[in-house]
Amino acid sequence: MTENAVIDRRPARPIARGVALGAMRGAAVALTVNITIWLVGRAGAPVRVVTGWAPDGADLTAGEVIATTVVAVGLGGALLGRMQRRTDRFRTWVIIVASVAVASALPLWRLDVDTGSKVTLSCMHLATGACVIAAQFAERRAASAGGPR
């Protein structure tokens, strides 16, 4: 092993702890934002979604918003943790998360639901990506500054 190889390796524990903390903070913020979007979106009429088990559409519940947000944030955190094991891949991860957020929002506009539901669902997809990225960025910045976590 060369001397550079040893210098480039990062300890797994602090990175994993930081990613997990960033994911928890991202989940908290994303949940707050998504529940707020959902409440505003359903002020006039229920937010409708079309799924495999409800092809004619069903009302989106708070439980579904919470579950979907937590799963999405958890998957994003797991991906970042995996990508960070050997080298810094944060920029690549940000591009992936932003791409997934946009790519998951676009097909919503083809659903056979009202425009208000489409706007609400799209905003929740984009907000989840933004919250996750912002929380991980804030955690990295705090860790690099040596500040409290």
Protein backbone atom coordinates (compact mmCIF):
# COMPACT_ATOMS: atom_id res chain seq x y z
CA MET A 1 0.00 0.00 0.00
CA THR A 2 1.34 3.43 -0.85
CA GLU A 3 1.43 6.33 1.52
CA ASN A 4 -1.19 8.23 -0.53
CA ALA A 5 -3.63 5.34 -0.30
CA VAL A 6 -3.49 5.54 3.48
CA ILE A 7 -4.03 9.31 3.46
CA ASP A 8 -7.03 9.08 1.11
CA ARG A 9 -8.89 6.56 3.27
CA ARG A 10 -11.44 8.01 5.62
CA PRO A 11 -12.63 6.41 8.83
CA ALA A 12 -16.06 4.83 8.30
CA ARG A 13 -17.57 5.61 11.70
CA PRO A 14 -17.55 9.43 11.70
CA ILE A 15 -18.85 9.48 8.13
CA ALA A 16 -21.59 6.97 8.88
CA ARG A 17 -22.58 8.87 12.02
CA GLY A 18 -22.68 12.16 10.10
CA VAL A 19 -24.72 10.68 7.26
CA ALA A 20 -27.17 9.14 9.73
CA LEU A 21 -27.54 12.43 11.59
CA GLY A 22 -28.02 14.27 8.31
CA ALA A 23 -30.67 11.73 7.27
CA MET A 24 -32.53 12.12 10.57
CA ARG A 25 -32.48 15.90 10.31
CA GLY A 26 -33.48 15.69 6.65
CA ALA A 27 -36.37 13.39 7.52
CA ALA A 28 -37.61 15.76 10.23
CA VAL A 29 -37.51 18.76 7.92
CA ALA A 30 -38.93 16.87 4.94
CA LEU A 31 -41.78 15.51 7.07
CA THR A 32 -42.63 18.98 8.33
CA VAL A 33 -42.52 20.46 4.84
CA ASN A 34 -44.44 17.61 3.18
CA ILE A 35 -47.20 17.53 5.79
CA THR A 36 -47.54 21.31 5.40
CA ILE A 37 -47.72 21.00 1.59
CA TRP A 38 -50.24 18.17 1.94
CA LEU A 39 -52.42 20.19 4.34
CA VAL A 40 -52.37 23.23 2.06
CA GLY A 41 -52.97 21.06 -1.00
CA ARG A 42 -56.02 19.42 0.49
CA ALA A 43 -57.56 22.66 1.75
CA GLY A 44 -59.94 22.79 -1.22
CA ALA A 45 -60.25 19.10 -2.08
CA PRO A 46 -58.52 15.85 -1.13
CA VAL A 47 -55.17 15.13 -2.74
CA ARG A 48 -55.73 12.19 -5.08
CA VAL A 49 -53.22 9.58 -6.20
CA VAL A 50 -53.43 6.73 -8.67
CA THR A 51 -51.77 3.51 -7.61
CA GLY A 52 -51.74 -0.14 -8.59
CA TRP A 53 -54.28 -0.94 -5.89
CA ALA A 54 -56.39 2.15 -6.61
CA PRO A 55 -56.30 2.68 -10.40
CA ASP A 56 -59.32 5.02 -10.23
CA GLY A 57 -57.56 7.18 -7.64
CA ALA A 58 -57.57 7.36 -3.87
CA ASP A 59 -57.24 10.12 -1.32
CA LEU A 60 -53.67 10.54 -0.06
CA THR A 61 -53.48 10.12 3.72
CA ALA A 62 -51.07 11.66 6.23
CA GLY A 63 -49.76 8.16 7.00
CA GLU A 64 -48.85 7.64 3.36
CA VAL A 65 -47.09 11.00 3.23
CA ILE A 66 -45.10 10.14 6.35
CA ALA A 67 -44.21 6.61 5.22
CA THR A 68 -43.17 7.67 1.74
CA THR A 69 -41.07 10.56 3.03
CA VAL A 70 -39.27 8.43 5.63
CA VAL A 71 -38.55 5.65 3.12
CA ALA A 72 -37.25 8.11 0.49
CA VAL A 73 -34.99 9.89 2.99
CA GLY A 74 -33.76 6.57 4.36
CA LEU A 75 -32.88 5.29 0.91
CA GLY A 76 -31.07 8.54 0.11
CA GLY A 77 -29.09 8.33 3.35
CA ALA A 78 -28.22 4.69 2.74
CA LEU A 79 -26.99 5.53 -0.76
CA LEU A 80 -24.84 8.40 0.54
CA GLY A 81 -23.42 6.23 3.30
CA ARG A 82 -22.52 3.56 0.78
CA MET A 83 -20.99 6.08 -1.64
CA GLN A 84 -18.90 7.75 1.09
CA ARG A 85 -17.19 4.59 2.34
CA ARG A 86 -13.95 5.07 0.45
CA THR A 87 -13.93 8.53 -1.10
CA ASP A 88 -15.95 11.74 -1.05
CA ARG A 89 -18.83 11.31 -3.49
CA PHE A 90 -21.12 14.00 -2.12
CA ARG A 91 -21.44 15.95 -5.39
CA THR A 92 -22.35 12.81 -7.28
CA TRP A 93 -24.91 11.95 -4.61
CA VAL A 94 -26.45 15.45 -4.83
CA ILE A 95 -26.84 15.05 -8.60
CA ILE A 96 -28.47 11.64 -8.13
CA VAL A 97 -30.91 12.89 -5.47
CA ALA A 98 -31.87 15.98 -7.46
CA SER A 99 -32.34 13.89 -10.61
CA VAL A 100 -34.51 11.35 -8.81
CA ALA A 101 -36.63 14.11 -7.25
CA VAL A 102 -37.27 15.72 -10.63
CA ALA A 103 -37.67 12.42 -12.48
CA SER A 104 -40.19 11.18 -9.93
CA ALA A 105 -42.24 14.39 -10.13
CA LEU A 106 -42.58 14.53 -13.92
CA PRO A 107 -44.74 11.40 -14.41
CA LEU A 108 -47.22 12.74 -11.87
CA TRP A 109 -48.47 15.15 -14.53
CA ARG A 110 -49.78 12.21 -16.58
CA LEU A 111 -51.96 10.90 -13.75
CA ASP A 112 -55.72 11.09 -14.18
CA VAL A 113 -56.21 13.37 -11.16
CA ASP A 114 -57.00 17.05 -10.67
CA THR A 115 -54.35 19.72 -11.20
CA GLY A 116 -54.26 20.61 -7.50
CA SER A 117 -53.26 17.04 -6.66
CA LYS A 118 -50.58 17.08 -9.35
CA VAL A 119 -49.11 20.33 -8.02
CA THR A 120 -49.22 19.10 -4.42
CA LEU A 121 -47.59 15.75 -5.25
CA SER A 122 -44.91 17.39 -7.40
CA CYS A 123 -44.08 19.90 -4.68
CA MET A 124 -43.73 17.10 -2.12
CA HIS A 125 -41.34 15.14 -4.38
CA LEU A 126 -39.17 18.19 -5.03
CA ALA A 127 -39.27 19.32 -1.40
CA THR A 128 -38.13 15.91 -0.17
CA GLY A 129 -35.07 16.03 -2.43
CA ALA A 130 -34.27 19.60 -1.43
CA CYS A 131 -34.62 18.88 2.31
CA VAL A 132 -32.43 15.80 2.13
CA ILE A 133 -29.69 17.59 0.22
CA ALA A 134 -29.81 20.64 2.50
CA ALA A 135 -29.67 18.55 5.68
CA GLN A 136 -26.70 16.48 4.48
CA PHE A 137 -24.92 19.62 3.32
CA ALA A 138 -25.48 21.29 6.71
CA GLU A 139 -24.20 18.19 8.51
CA ARG A 140 -21.06 18.09 6.35
CA ARG A 141 -20.45 21.80 6.93
CA ALA A 142 -20.82 21.42 10.70
CA ALA A 143 -18.49 18.42 10.71
CA SER A 144 -15.83 20.19 8.66
CA ALA A 145 -16.00 23.26 10.89
CA GLY A 146 -15.67 21.08 13.96
CA GLY A 147 -18.91 22.46 15.33
CA PRO A 148 -21.52 20.67 17.38
CA ARG A 149 -23.49 17.96 15.65
